[in-house]
Amino acid sequence: MVTVWIFLNFMTGNHKTSLLTCAENDIISNLPEHLIGSILERLPIDDAVRTSILSKSWRYRWTTMTMLLFDEQFSKKFAEKGAFGRNGFIRTINDVLIPHNGPISKFSLHIPRIDLDSFQEVDHTMLLISRKSVQELVLTNSNSCYELPSYVSSCSKLRKLELENCIFKPLHKLEVFSNLNHVCLTNIDFGADFCGTLVTLPQLRVLWLDMCRSVYNFNIKASKLKRLAVIDCPDAMLLRLLDAPCLNMFCLCFLEPFEDFVRVERMNLSRLLSNLPEVKNLFLDGHFLKYLSADGIPKWLPRAVYSLSNLRLYDFQLSDLDQLNGALCLLRNSPNLERLCIRQSLRVSKSVPQVPSFWLMWHMTGVDLAKGLRWNVPPFHSSVVEPQVMDYDVGPASNHLESPNCLDQTLNRLQTVEIVYFEGSRPELLFIKLILAHSPSLVKLTIESETFDAHQRLNIAMDVKGFPRASPKAELFFLNPKP
């Protein structure tokens, strides 16, 4: 007699325990098939497969699961049992896929750092998946770069694609993905084989590119693209990627200076914003603004950015005149801006490992890349670390902020301002003074200090509270630094 413990109560949500001692009381086996499938898909994949030993009626139930997640959690559990061996990990996954019957809506595979004779077994995995009408494919790879086999293009029903550390060859195979609406690519090599071949993705809404190489060869046509993030891809052809009339969210971060970088296209702030007529959420880092300043930062743009309501600047230095001019240009030419967030560069030692910059930035933004509510951070792990801050002469920035016509524009719609890693330097204080004086609708100004010195934080607070405010509703909030 089989004893089964059940921790389910579908009506109330309470977790009650029932002990079943006979087949007549086997509630789960008598549930509708779609509910049984839903229960199995909520179990770790290895536990779901183990249900085959419960009884004859359960032997093949797991083979119709529509979600198979061999994710990082699964690989860690597999490694703890000492079951890797050479190619053993991938062969185990294939042993699950071979008897599987029916379509797979979502397939996730994390390849850990293990000894592989080759990627031949992984190719077999992708071949099996290509026959399953998969709609969501997630492949993260901690080994050497994996070249995707050509039969991946057989996944014509694919709607979501997330890849890490892979090579596309050739890219034009993506043409068959007419249903693809979400693409997230980390550490992908767009080699010379692509040769800028135009790829049309008519349903694409979300595109994330992170630490990709030879991105100038990546040429897509995505007329419905709404959200685009380009992280640490300095050779991207931005004008190609920005050829999307529906784009309302754009993020571009270099993460580190590129003084000696050879440009692949002519780009300045005016040209960038003229290609973003519908942008509502704009995320830039100080290194990119510095890069744009090489062609000069204009005071006024040919056309105001009326659509922009949320501006976030990351790895930013108010003491750098070039970056400051870029920020002031954006403020001056965004009459409908409601929210401004500046996360300044954190002063760290190069010898101290830091959380990757873009991870901190996504947690800071509070907007969802996929749904527009919160940024949906991909499950990939970047090796990028927080760059060390350069020391700037604060004189030019301070003098500019004290000039009579520094801003020359009232920020009528600005309601919320947040500055993170505030040090209390003269340019920082002058910038806050400028914002308070030009924001009649300001409701909340939040300052998160960089220093743990309580006396210094008190002095900063006293200075800021003494600044005149254009808004009678403006409230000031001073946050202690995060440990």
Protein backbone atom coordinates (compact mmCIF):
# COMPACT_ATOMS: atom_id res chain seq x y z
CA MET A 1 0.00 0.00 0.00
CA VAL A 2 1.38 3.36 -1.03
CA THR A 3 1.24 6.21 1.46
CA VAL A 4 1.02 9.70 -0.07
CA TRP A 5 1.23 12.95 1.87
CA ILE A 6 -0.64 15.87 0.32
CA PHE A 7 -0.08 19.49 1.30
CA LEU A 8 -2.79 21.11 -0.81
CA ASN A 9 -6.08 22.83 -0.15
CA PHE A 10 -7.37 24.30 -3.40
CA MET A 11 -10.41 26.03 -1.92
CA THR A 12 -8.91 27.95 1.00
CA GLY A 13 -5.20 28.07 0.24
CA ASN A 14 -4.45 26.62 3.68
CA HIS A 15 -1.75 23.97 3.85
CA LYS A 16 -3.41 20.99 5.56
CA THR A 17 -2.05 17.48 5.76
CA SER A 18 -4.05 14.44 4.71
CA LEU A 19 -2.93 10.83 4.90
CA LEU A 20 -4.25 8.61 2.13
CA THR A 21 -4.09 4.89 2.68
CA CYS A 22 -6.03 3.46 -0.23
CA ALA A 23 -6.55 3.99 -3.92
CA GLU A 24 -10.18 5.07 -3.43
CA ASN A 25 -9.00 8.15 -1.50
CA ASP A 26 -6.30 9.09 -4.03
CA ILE A 27 -7.58 12.61 -4.66
CA ILE A 28 -4.68 13.75 -6.85
CA SER A 29 -4.92 10.87 -9.35
CA ASN A 30 -8.60 11.66 -9.88
CA LEU A 31 -8.03 15.33 -10.63
CA PRO A 32 -8.45 16.61 -14.20
CA GLU A 33 -5.36 16.13 -16.33
CA HIS A 34 -4.66 19.86 -16.66
CA LEU A 35 -4.58 20.24 -12.86
CA ILE A 36 -2.21 17.29 -12.49
CA GLY A 37 0.02 18.85 -15.13
CA SER A 38 -0.07 22.17 -13.27
CA ILE A 39 0.98 20.44 -10.02
CA LEU A 40 3.85 18.59 -11.70
CA GLU A 41 5.15 21.78 -13.31
CA ARG A 42 5.40 23.40 -9.88
CA LEU A 43 7.73 20.67 -8.68
CA PRO A 44 11.49 20.60 -9.34
CA ILE A 45 12.00 18.65 -12.54
CA ASP A 46 13.76 15.73 -10.81
CA ASP A 47 10.89 15.36 -8.32
CA ALA A 48 8.34 15.50 -11.12
CA VAL A 49 10.11 12.63 -12.94
CA ARG A 50 10.22 10.61 -9.72
CA THR A 51 6.41 10.54 -9.60
CA SER A 52 6.66 7.77 -12.20
CA ILE A 53 7.34 5.27 -9.37
CA LEU A 54 4.10 6.03 -7.49
CA SER A 55 1.92 3.69 -9.54
CA LYS A 56 1.27 2.46 -13.06
CA SER A 57 -1.13 5.35 -13.69
CA TRP A 58 1.62 7.82 -12.80
CA ARG A 59 4.41 6.19 -14.79
CA TYR A 60 4.15 8.46 -17.82
CA ARG A 61 2.29 11.47 -16.45
CA TRP A 62 5.47 13.57 -16.30
CA THR A 63 6.13 12.96 -20.00
CA THR A 64 3.40 15.44 -20.97
CA MET A 65 4.67 18.34 -18.87
CA THR A 66 4.72 21.55 -20.89
CA MET A 67 7.48 23.24 -18.84
CA LEU A 68 10.90 21.64 -18.36
CA LEU A 69 13.28 23.73 -16.27
CA PHE A 70 16.84 22.44 -15.98
CA ASP A 71 17.92 25.71 -14.45
CA GLU A 72 20.80 26.71 -12.18
CA GLN A 73 19.03 25.32 -9.13
CA PHE A 74 18.74 21.94 -10.84
CA SER A 75 22.41 21.90 -11.87
CA LYS A 76 23.53 22.73 -8.32
CA LYS A 77 21.47 19.89 -6.92
CA PHE A 78 22.86 17.58 -9.60
CA ALA A 79 26.44 18.60 -8.74
CA GLU A 80 25.90 18.05 -5.00
CA LYS A 81 25.13 14.41 -5.74
CA GLY A 82 28.40 14.08 -7.61
CA ALA A 83 26.55 13.05 -10.73
CA PHE A 84 28.24 15.22 -13.34
CA GLY A 85 30.96 13.10 -14.89
CA ARG A 86 32.09 13.88 -18.41
CA ASN A 87 28.99 14.78 -20.46
CA GLY A 88 26.84 12.98 -17.87
CA PHE A 89 24.85 16.11 -17.00
CA ILE A 90 23.65 16.79 -20.55
CA ARG A 91 23.00 13.10 -21.22
CA THR A 92 20.74 12.95 -18.19
CA ILE A 93 18.70 15.84 -19.58
CA ASN A 94 18.46 14.12 -22.96
CA ASP A 95 17.25 10.96 -21.22
CA VAL A 96 14.35 13.04 -19.90
CA LEU A 97 13.64 14.66 -23.27
CA ILE A 98 13.64 11.48 -25.38
CA PRO A 99 10.56 9.86 -23.77
CA HIS A 100 8.79 13.20 -23.42
CA ASN A 101 5.53 13.27 -25.35
CA GLY A 102 3.85 16.40 -26.64
CA PRO A 103 4.71 20.12 -26.97
CA ILE A 104 6.87 22.12 -24.55
CA SER A 105 5.82 25.71 -23.86
CA LYS A 106 8.97 26.61 -21.89
CA PHE A 107 12.40 25.00 -21.82
CA SER A 108 15.21 26.31 -19.64
CA LEU A 109 18.75 24.91 -19.56
CA HIS A 110 21.69 26.12 -17.52
CA ILE A 111 25.02 24.58 -18.55
CA PRO A 112 27.32 24.82 -15.51
CA ARG A 113 31.09 24.98 -15.64
CA ILE A 114 31.77 21.27 -16.20
CA ASP A 115 34.08 19.12 -18.33
CA LEU A 116 32.59 18.55 -21.76
CA ASP A 117 34.23 16.56 -24.55
CA SER A 118 32.34 18.83 -26.91
CA PHE A 119 28.94 20.45 -27.28
CA GLN A 120 27.67 17.46 -29.27
CA GLU A 121 25.33 16.35 -26.48
CA VAL A 122 24.02 19.91 -26.18
CA ASP A 123 23.40 19.92 -29.93
CA HIS A 124 21.32 16.76 -29.41
CA THR A 125 19.36 18.57 -26.71
CA MET A 126 18.62 21.45 -29.05
CA LEU A 127 17.58 19.02 -31.77
CA LEU A 128 15.06 17.39 -29.44
CA ILE A 129 13.74 20.78 -28.37
CA SER A 130 13.37 21.97 -31.96
CA ARG A 131 10.73 19.24 -32.48
CA LYS A 132 8.61 20.27 -29.47
CA SER A 133 6.94 23.51 -30.65
CA VAL A 134 8.72 25.36 -27.86
CA GLN A 135 7.47 28.90 -27.18
CA GLU A 136 10.02 30.05 -24.59
CA LEU A 137 13.69 29.03 -24.71
CA VAL A 138 16.22 30.01 -22.03
CA LEU A 139 19.84 28.84 -22.42
CA THR A 140 22.52 30.06 -20.01
CA ASN A 141 26.04 28.79 -20.49
CA SER A 142 28.98 29.00 -18.06
CA ASN A 143 31.35 27.08 -20.36
CA SER A 144 33.11 28.23 -23.50
CA CYS A 145 31.05 29.98 -26.14
CA TYR A 146 28.45 27.63 -27.63
CA GLU A 147 27.61 27.82 -31.33
CA LEU A 148 23.88 27.35 -31.81
CA PRO A 149 23.08 24.63 -34.34
CA SER A 150 21.10 25.59 -37.43
CA TYR A 151 18.06 23.49 -36.52
CA VAL A 152 17.22 25.89 -33.69
CA SER A 153 15.59 27.88 -36.47
CA SER A 154 12.95 25.12 -36.60
CA CYS A 155 11.41 26.62 -33.44
CA SER A 156 9.01 28.71 -35.50
CA LYS A 157 6.55 29.16 -32.60
CA LEU A 158 9.17 30.71 -30.35
CA ARG A 159 7.91 33.82 -28.54
CA LYS A 160 10.65 34.40 -25.96
CA LEU A 161 14.38 33.78 -26.40
CA GLU A 162 17.04 34.29 -23.70
CA LEU A 163 20.62 33.25 -24.45
CA GLU A 164 23.96 33.64 -22.73
CA ASN A 165 27.46 33.00 -24.07
CA CYS A 166 26.53 31.70 -27.52
CA ILE A 167 27.33 32.26 -31.18
CA PHE A 168 24.68 32.79 -33.84
CA LYS A 169 25.64 31.33 -37.20
CA PRO A 170 24.11 32.47 -39.41
CA LEU A 171 21.83 35.15 -37.99
CA HIS A 172 19.43 35.25 -40.93
CA LYS A 173 17.92 32.03 -39.57
CA LEU A 174 16.12 34.27 -37.08
CA GLU A 175 13.86 35.34 -39.95
CA VAL A 176 11.68 32.31 -39.27
CA PHE A 177 10.88 33.57 -35.75
CA SER A 178 7.88 35.58 -36.87
CA ASN A 179 6.23 35.20 -33.43
CA LEU A 180 9.26 36.28 -31.38
CA ASN A 181 8.35 39.17 -29.05
CA HIS A 182 11.04 39.04 -26.32
CA VAL A 183 14.79 38.63 -26.95
CA CYS A 184 17.44 38.80 -24.24
CA LEU A 185 21.06 38.22 -25.32
CA THR A 186 24.07 38.23 -23.01
CA ASN A 187 27.67 37.75 -24.16
CA ILE A 188 26.63 36.87 -27.70
CA ASP A 189 29.07 37.01 -30.59
CA PHE A 190 27.62 38.54 -33.75
CA GLY A 191 30.57 37.58 -35.92
CA ALA A 192 31.53 38.51 -39.47
CA ASP A 193 29.32 35.74 -40.83
CA PHE A 194 26.27 37.96 -40.25
CA CYS A 195 27.63 40.78 -42.44
CA GLY A 196 24.84 43.12 -41.35
CA THR A 197 22.15 40.91 -42.89
CA LEU A 198 18.74 42.48 -42.24
CA VAL A 199 16.57 40.39 -39.92
CA THR A 200 12.87 41.17 -39.73
CA LEU A 201 11.15 40.41 -36.43
CA PRO A 202 7.63 41.80 -36.88
CA GLN A 203 6.34 40.96 -33.37
CA LEU A 204 9.40 41.91 -31.32
CA ARG A 205 8.52 44.14 -28.34
CA VAL A 206 11.50 43.75 -25.99
CA LEU A 207 15.22 43.56 -26.87
CA TRP A 208 18.05 43.31 -24.32
CA LEU A 209 21.70 43.26 -25.45
CA ASP A 210 24.35 42.85 -22.76
CA MET A 211 28.12 42.50 -23.28
CA CYS A 212 27.63 41.36 -26.87
CA ARG A 213 30.44 41.49 -29.42
CA SER A 214 30.49 42.70 -33.03
CA VAL A 215 27.04 44.20 -32.49
CA TYR A 216 27.54 46.41 -35.55
CA ASN A 217 26.72 43.27 -37.57
CA PHE A 218 23.35 42.93 -35.79
CA ASN A 219 20.82 44.53 -38.12
CA ILE A 220 17.16 44.04 -37.31
CA LYS A 221 13.88 45.52 -38.43
CA ALA A 222 11.42 45.54 -35.52
CA SER A 223 8.64 48.02 -36.19
CA LYS A 224 6.77 47.12 -32.95
CA LEU A 225 9.79 47.31 -30.61
CA LYS A 226 8.85 49.14 -27.40
CA ARG A 227 11.71 48.48 -24.97
CA LEU A 228 15.41 48.38 -25.80
CA ALA A 229 18.40 47.97 -23.47
CA VAL A 230 22.00 48.08 -24.74
CA ILE A 231 24.48 47.35 -21.93
CA ASP A 232 28.24 47.39 -22.45
CA CYS A 233 27.99 47.08 -26.26
CA PRO A 234 29.97 50.14 -27.43
CA ASP A 235 30.17 49.01 -31.05
CA ALA A 236 26.40 48.82 -31.52
CA MET A 237 24.93 50.66 -34.51
CA LEU A 238 22.39 52.61 -32.50
CA LEU A 239 20.65 54.25 -35.43
CA ARG A 240 19.77 50.82 -36.77
CA LEU A 241 18.42 49.64 -33.42
CA LEU A 242 16.50 52.87 -32.83
CA ASP A 243 14.64 52.57 -36.13
CA ALA A 244 11.50 51.64 -34.21
CA PRO A 245 8.65 54.18 -34.16
CA CYS A 246 6.97 52.62 -31.09
CA LEU A 247 10.04 52.66 -28.83
CA ASN A 248 9.06 54.17 -25.46
CA MET A 249 11.77 52.78 -23.17
CA PHE A 250 15.48 52.99 -23.94
CA CYS A 251 18.51 52.16 -21.81
CA LEU A 252 22.13 52.58 -22.87
CA CYS A 253 25.10 52.12 -20.54
CA PHE A 254 28.79 51.80 -21.36
CA LEU A 255 29.74 50.96 -17.73
CA GLU A 256 33.30 52.24 -18.25
CA PRO A 257 35.12 55.06 -20.06
CA PHE A 258 35.92 54.67 -23.76
CA GLU A 259 38.42 57.44 -24.44
CA ASP A 260 40.24 55.51 -27.16
CA PHE A 261 37.17 53.87 -28.65
CA VAL A 262 36.86 54.02 -32.44
CA ARG A 263 33.32 55.04 -33.33
CA VAL A 264 31.30 52.90 -35.71
CA GLU A 265 28.83 55.74 -36.40
CA ARG A 266 28.49 59.46 -35.84
CA MET A 267 26.34 60.06 -32.78
CA ASN A 268 25.52 63.04 -30.60
CA LEU A 269 22.74 63.90 -28.17
CA SER A 270 20.61 65.70 -30.77
CA ARG A 271 20.78 62.82 -33.20
CA LEU A 272 20.06 60.26 -30.48
CA LEU A 273 16.94 62.01 -29.18
CA SER A 274 15.62 62.79 -32.66
CA ASN A 275 15.39 59.03 -33.13
CA LEU A 276 13.37 58.63 -29.92
CA PRO A 277 10.18 60.60 -30.64
CA GLU A 278 8.00 58.45 -28.32
CA VAL A 279 10.43 57.67 -25.50
CA LYS A 280 8.89 57.93 -22.01
CA ASN A 281 11.60 56.21 -19.97
CA LEU A 282 15.25 57.03 -20.71
CA PHE A 283 18.20 55.42 -18.89
CA LEU A 284 21.74 56.60 -19.67
CA ASP A 285 25.04 56.38 -17.85
CA GLY A 286 27.65 59.08 -17.38
CA HIS A 287 30.16 57.31 -19.63
CA PHE A 288 27.76 57.45 -22.56
CA LEU A 289 27.00 61.13 -21.96
CA LYS A 290 30.75 61.75 -21.85
CA TYR A 291 31.06 59.92 -25.16
CA LEU A 292 28.31 62.08 -26.70
CA SER A 293 30.02 65.26 -25.52
CA ALA A 294 32.85 64.73 -28.03
CA ASP A 295 30.64 66.44 -30.64
CA GLY A 296 29.48 69.07 -28.17
CA ILE A 297 26.33 69.29 -26.04
CA PRO A 298 23.85 71.89 -27.35
CA LYS A 299 21.87 74.11 -25.03
CA TRP A 300 18.66 73.63 -26.98
CA LEU A 301 17.74 70.68 -29.19
CA PRO A 302 16.07 71.17 -32.60
CA ARG A 303 12.97 69.52 -31.12
CA ALA A 304 11.94 69.20 -27.48
CA VAL A 305 11.49 65.69 -26.08
CA TYR A 306 7.82 66.08 -25.15
CA SER A 307 7.24 62.38 -24.49
CA LEU A 308 9.96 61.94 -21.82
CA SER A 309 8.56 61.59 -18.29
CA ASN A 310 11.17 59.44 -16.52
CA LEU A 311 14.92 60.14 -16.73
CA ARG A 312 17.53 58.08 -14.87
CA LEU A 313 21.26 58.70 -15.01
CA TYR A 314 23.59 56.00 -13.78
CA ASP A 315 27.32 55.94 -12.96
CA PHE A 316 27.05 59.70 -13.19
CA GLN A 317 29.33 62.48 -11.88
CA LEU A 318 27.90 65.96 -11.30
CA SER A 319 31.51 67.16 -10.92
CA ASP A 320 32.25 66.31 -14.57
CA LEU A 321 31.29 69.31 -16.71
CA ASP A 322 30.64 67.18 -19.82
CA GLN A 323 28.25 64.88 -17.99
CA LEU A 324 26.63 67.82 -16.22
CA ASN A 325 26.00 69.63 -19.52
CA GLY A 326 24.39 66.47 -20.90
CA ALA A 327 22.05 66.24 -17.91
CA LEU A 328 21.13 69.93 -18.06
CA CYS A 329 20.39 69.62 -21.79
CA LEU A 330 18.04 66.74 -21.10
CA LEU A 331 16.29 68.65 -18.30
CA ARG A 332 16.02 71.84 -20.36
CA ASN A 333 14.51 70.05 -23.37
CA SER A 334 12.07 67.70 -21.55
CA PRO A 335 9.09 69.90 -20.63
CA ASN A 336 6.97 66.96 -19.41
CA LEU A 337 9.59 65.32 -17.21
CA GLU A 338 8.08 64.06 -13.95
CA ARG A 339 10.78 61.90 -12.38
CA LEU A 340 14.56 62.30 -12.20
CA CYS A 341 16.92 59.81 -10.58
CA ILE A 342 20.71 60.19 -10.51
CA ARG A 343 22.85 57.37 -9.21
CA GLN A 344 26.34 58.76 -8.88
CA SER A 345 29.49 56.72 -9.34
CA LEU A 346 30.39 54.86 -6.17
CA ARG A 347 33.97 55.41 -5.01
CA VAL A 348 35.43 51.93 -4.58
CA SER A 349 38.83 50.29 -4.61
CA LYS A 350 39.68 48.28 -7.70
CA SER A 351 40.71 45.43 -5.43
CA VAL A 352 37.24 45.10 -3.90
CA PRO A 353 34.80 43.00 -5.96
CA GLN A 354 31.52 44.78 -6.55
CA VAL A 355 28.03 43.83 -7.67
CA PRO A 356 27.83 44.27 -11.47
CA SER A 357 26.83 47.82 -12.31
CA PHE A 358 23.81 47.07 -14.46
CA TRP A 359 22.31 44.81 -11.78
CA LEU A 360 22.33 47.76 -9.39
CA MET A 361 20.87 49.95 -12.08
CA TRP A 362 17.96 47.59 -12.81
CA HIS A 363 17.15 47.32 -9.11
CA MET A 364 17.22 51.12 -8.92
CA THR A 365 14.91 51.76 -11.85
CA GLY A 366 11.71 50.12 -10.60
CA VAL A 367 10.39 49.68 -14.14
CA ASP A 368 9.74 46.36 -15.85
CA LEU A 369 11.52 45.78 -19.15
CA ALA A 370 8.93 43.18 -20.11
CA LYS A 371 5.72 44.47 -18.53
CA GLY A 372 6.37 48.15 -17.94
CA LEU A 373 5.94 47.79 -14.17
CA ARG A 374 9.28 46.58 -12.88
CA TRP A 375 12.48 45.89 -14.81
CA ASN A 376 12.58 42.17 -15.47
CA VAL A 377 16.22 41.35 -14.74
CA PRO A 378 17.46 38.43 -16.84
CA PRO A 379 18.93 35.48 -14.95
CA PHE A 380 22.39 36.01 -16.41
CA HIS A 381 25.56 36.81 -14.51
CA SER A 382 27.91 39.44 -15.81
CA SER A 383 31.59 39.67 -15.00
CA VAL A 384 31.49 43.47 -15.22
CA VAL A 385 32.43 45.23 -11.99
CA GLU A 386 31.84 48.73 -10.74
CA PRO A 387 34.47 51.03 -12.30
CA GLN A 388 36.61 53.22 -10.10
CA VAL A 389 35.60 56.86 -10.09
CA MET A 390 37.87 59.42 -11.72
CA ASP A 391 38.70 62.55 -9.75
CA TYR A 392 37.43 65.70 -11.45
CA ASP A 393 38.28 69.35 -10.95
CA VAL A 394 35.03 70.60 -9.39
CA GLY A 395 35.76 74.22 -10.35
CA PRO A 396 34.34 74.22 -13.93
CA ALA A 397 31.16 72.40 -12.91
CA SER A 398 30.64 74.67 -9.89
CA ASN A 399 31.20 77.82 -11.95
CA HIS A 400 28.73 76.63 -14.57
CA LEU A 401 26.05 75.84 -12.00
CA GLU A 402 26.48 79.31 -10.47
CA SER A 403 26.12 81.11 -13.81
CA PRO A 404 22.84 83.08 -14.15
CA ASN A 405 21.50 81.22 -17.19
CA CYS A 406 22.64 77.73 -16.25
CA LEU A 407 19.25 76.03 -16.68
CA ASP A 408 17.12 78.71 -18.38
CA GLN A 409 13.98 76.60 -18.04
CA THR A 410 11.29 75.97 -15.44
CA LEU A 411 10.72 72.27 -14.78
CA ASN A 412 6.95 72.61 -14.47
CA ARG A 413 6.08 68.91 -14.33
CA LEU A 414 8.97 67.57 -12.24
CA GLN A 415 7.58 65.94 -9.08
CA THR A 416 10.16 63.45 -7.83
CA VAL A 417 13.95 63.71 -7.64
CA GLU A 418 16.30 61.09 -6.20
CA ILE A 419 20.09 61.31 -5.86
CA VAL A 420 22.01 58.24 -4.71
CA TYR A 421 25.60 58.23 -3.38
CA PHE A 422 25.52 61.91 -2.52
CA GLU A 423 28.88 63.13 -1.17
CA GLY A 424 28.13 66.77 -0.40
CA SER A 425 30.52 68.29 -2.94
CA ARG A 426 29.93 71.85 -4.11
CA PRO A 427 28.61 70.83 -7.58
CA GLU A 428 26.15 68.42 -5.93
CA LEU A 429 24.83 71.08 -3.56
CA LEU A 430 24.56 73.65 -6.34
CA PHE A 431 22.70 71.18 -8.54
CA ILE A 432 20.13 70.51 -5.79
CA LYS A 433 19.77 74.24 -5.24
CA LEU A 434 19.11 74.65 -8.96
CA ILE A 435 16.50 71.88 -9.02
CA LEU A 436 14.65 73.25 -5.98
CA ALA A 437 14.55 76.74 -7.47
CA HIS A 438 13.21 75.61 -10.87
CA SER A 439 10.64 72.92 -9.92
CA PRO A 440 7.30 74.48 -8.84
CA SER A 441 5.54 71.07 -8.82
CA LEU A 442 8.21 69.20 -6.85
CA VAL A 443 6.74 66.91 -4.20
CA LYS A 444 9.67 64.77 -3.04
CA LEU A 445 13.44 65.14 -3.08
CA THR A 446 15.34 62.11 -1.76
CA ILE A 447 19.05 62.16 -1.00
CA GLU A 448 20.91 58.98 -0.12
CA SER A 449 24.26 59.87 1.37
CA GLU A 450 27.49 58.12 0.43
CA THR A 451 29.16 58.86 3.75
CA PHE A 452 28.70 57.04 7.06
CA ASP A 453 29.87 60.12 8.98
CA ALA A 454 26.81 61.31 10.92
CA HIS A 455 28.22 64.82 11.41
CA GLN A 456 28.87 65.21 7.68
CA ARG A 457 25.36 63.96 6.84
CA LEU A 458 23.88 66.50 9.26
CA ASN A 459 25.82 69.33 7.61
CA ILE A 460 24.56 68.25 4.19
CA ALA A 461 20.97 68.20 5.45
CA MET A 462 21.28 71.65 6.98
CA ASP A 463 22.72 73.08 3.75
CA VAL A 464 19.96 71.61 1.58
CA LYS A 465 17.16 72.67 3.93
CA GLY A 466 18.34 76.26 3.63
CA PHE A 467 17.90 76.38 -0.15
CA PRO A 468 14.86 78.31 -1.47
CA ARG A 469 12.12 76.16 -2.98
CA ALA A 470 9.80 77.00 -5.86
CA SER A 471 7.33 74.38 -4.66
CA PRO A 472 5.57 74.82 -1.30
CA LYS A 473 4.80 71.08 -1.30
CA ALA A 474 8.39 69.93 -1.69
CA GLU A 475 9.52 67.53 1.04
CA LEU A 476 13.13 66.52 1.65
CA PHE A 477 14.14 63.01 2.64
CA PHE A 478 17.65 62.10 3.75
CA LEU A 479 18.52 58.39 3.73
CA ASN A 480 21.44 56.77 5.45
CA PRO A 481 23.89 54.89 3.21
CA LYS A 482 23.20 51.21 2.71
CA PRO A 483 25.73 49.05 4.56
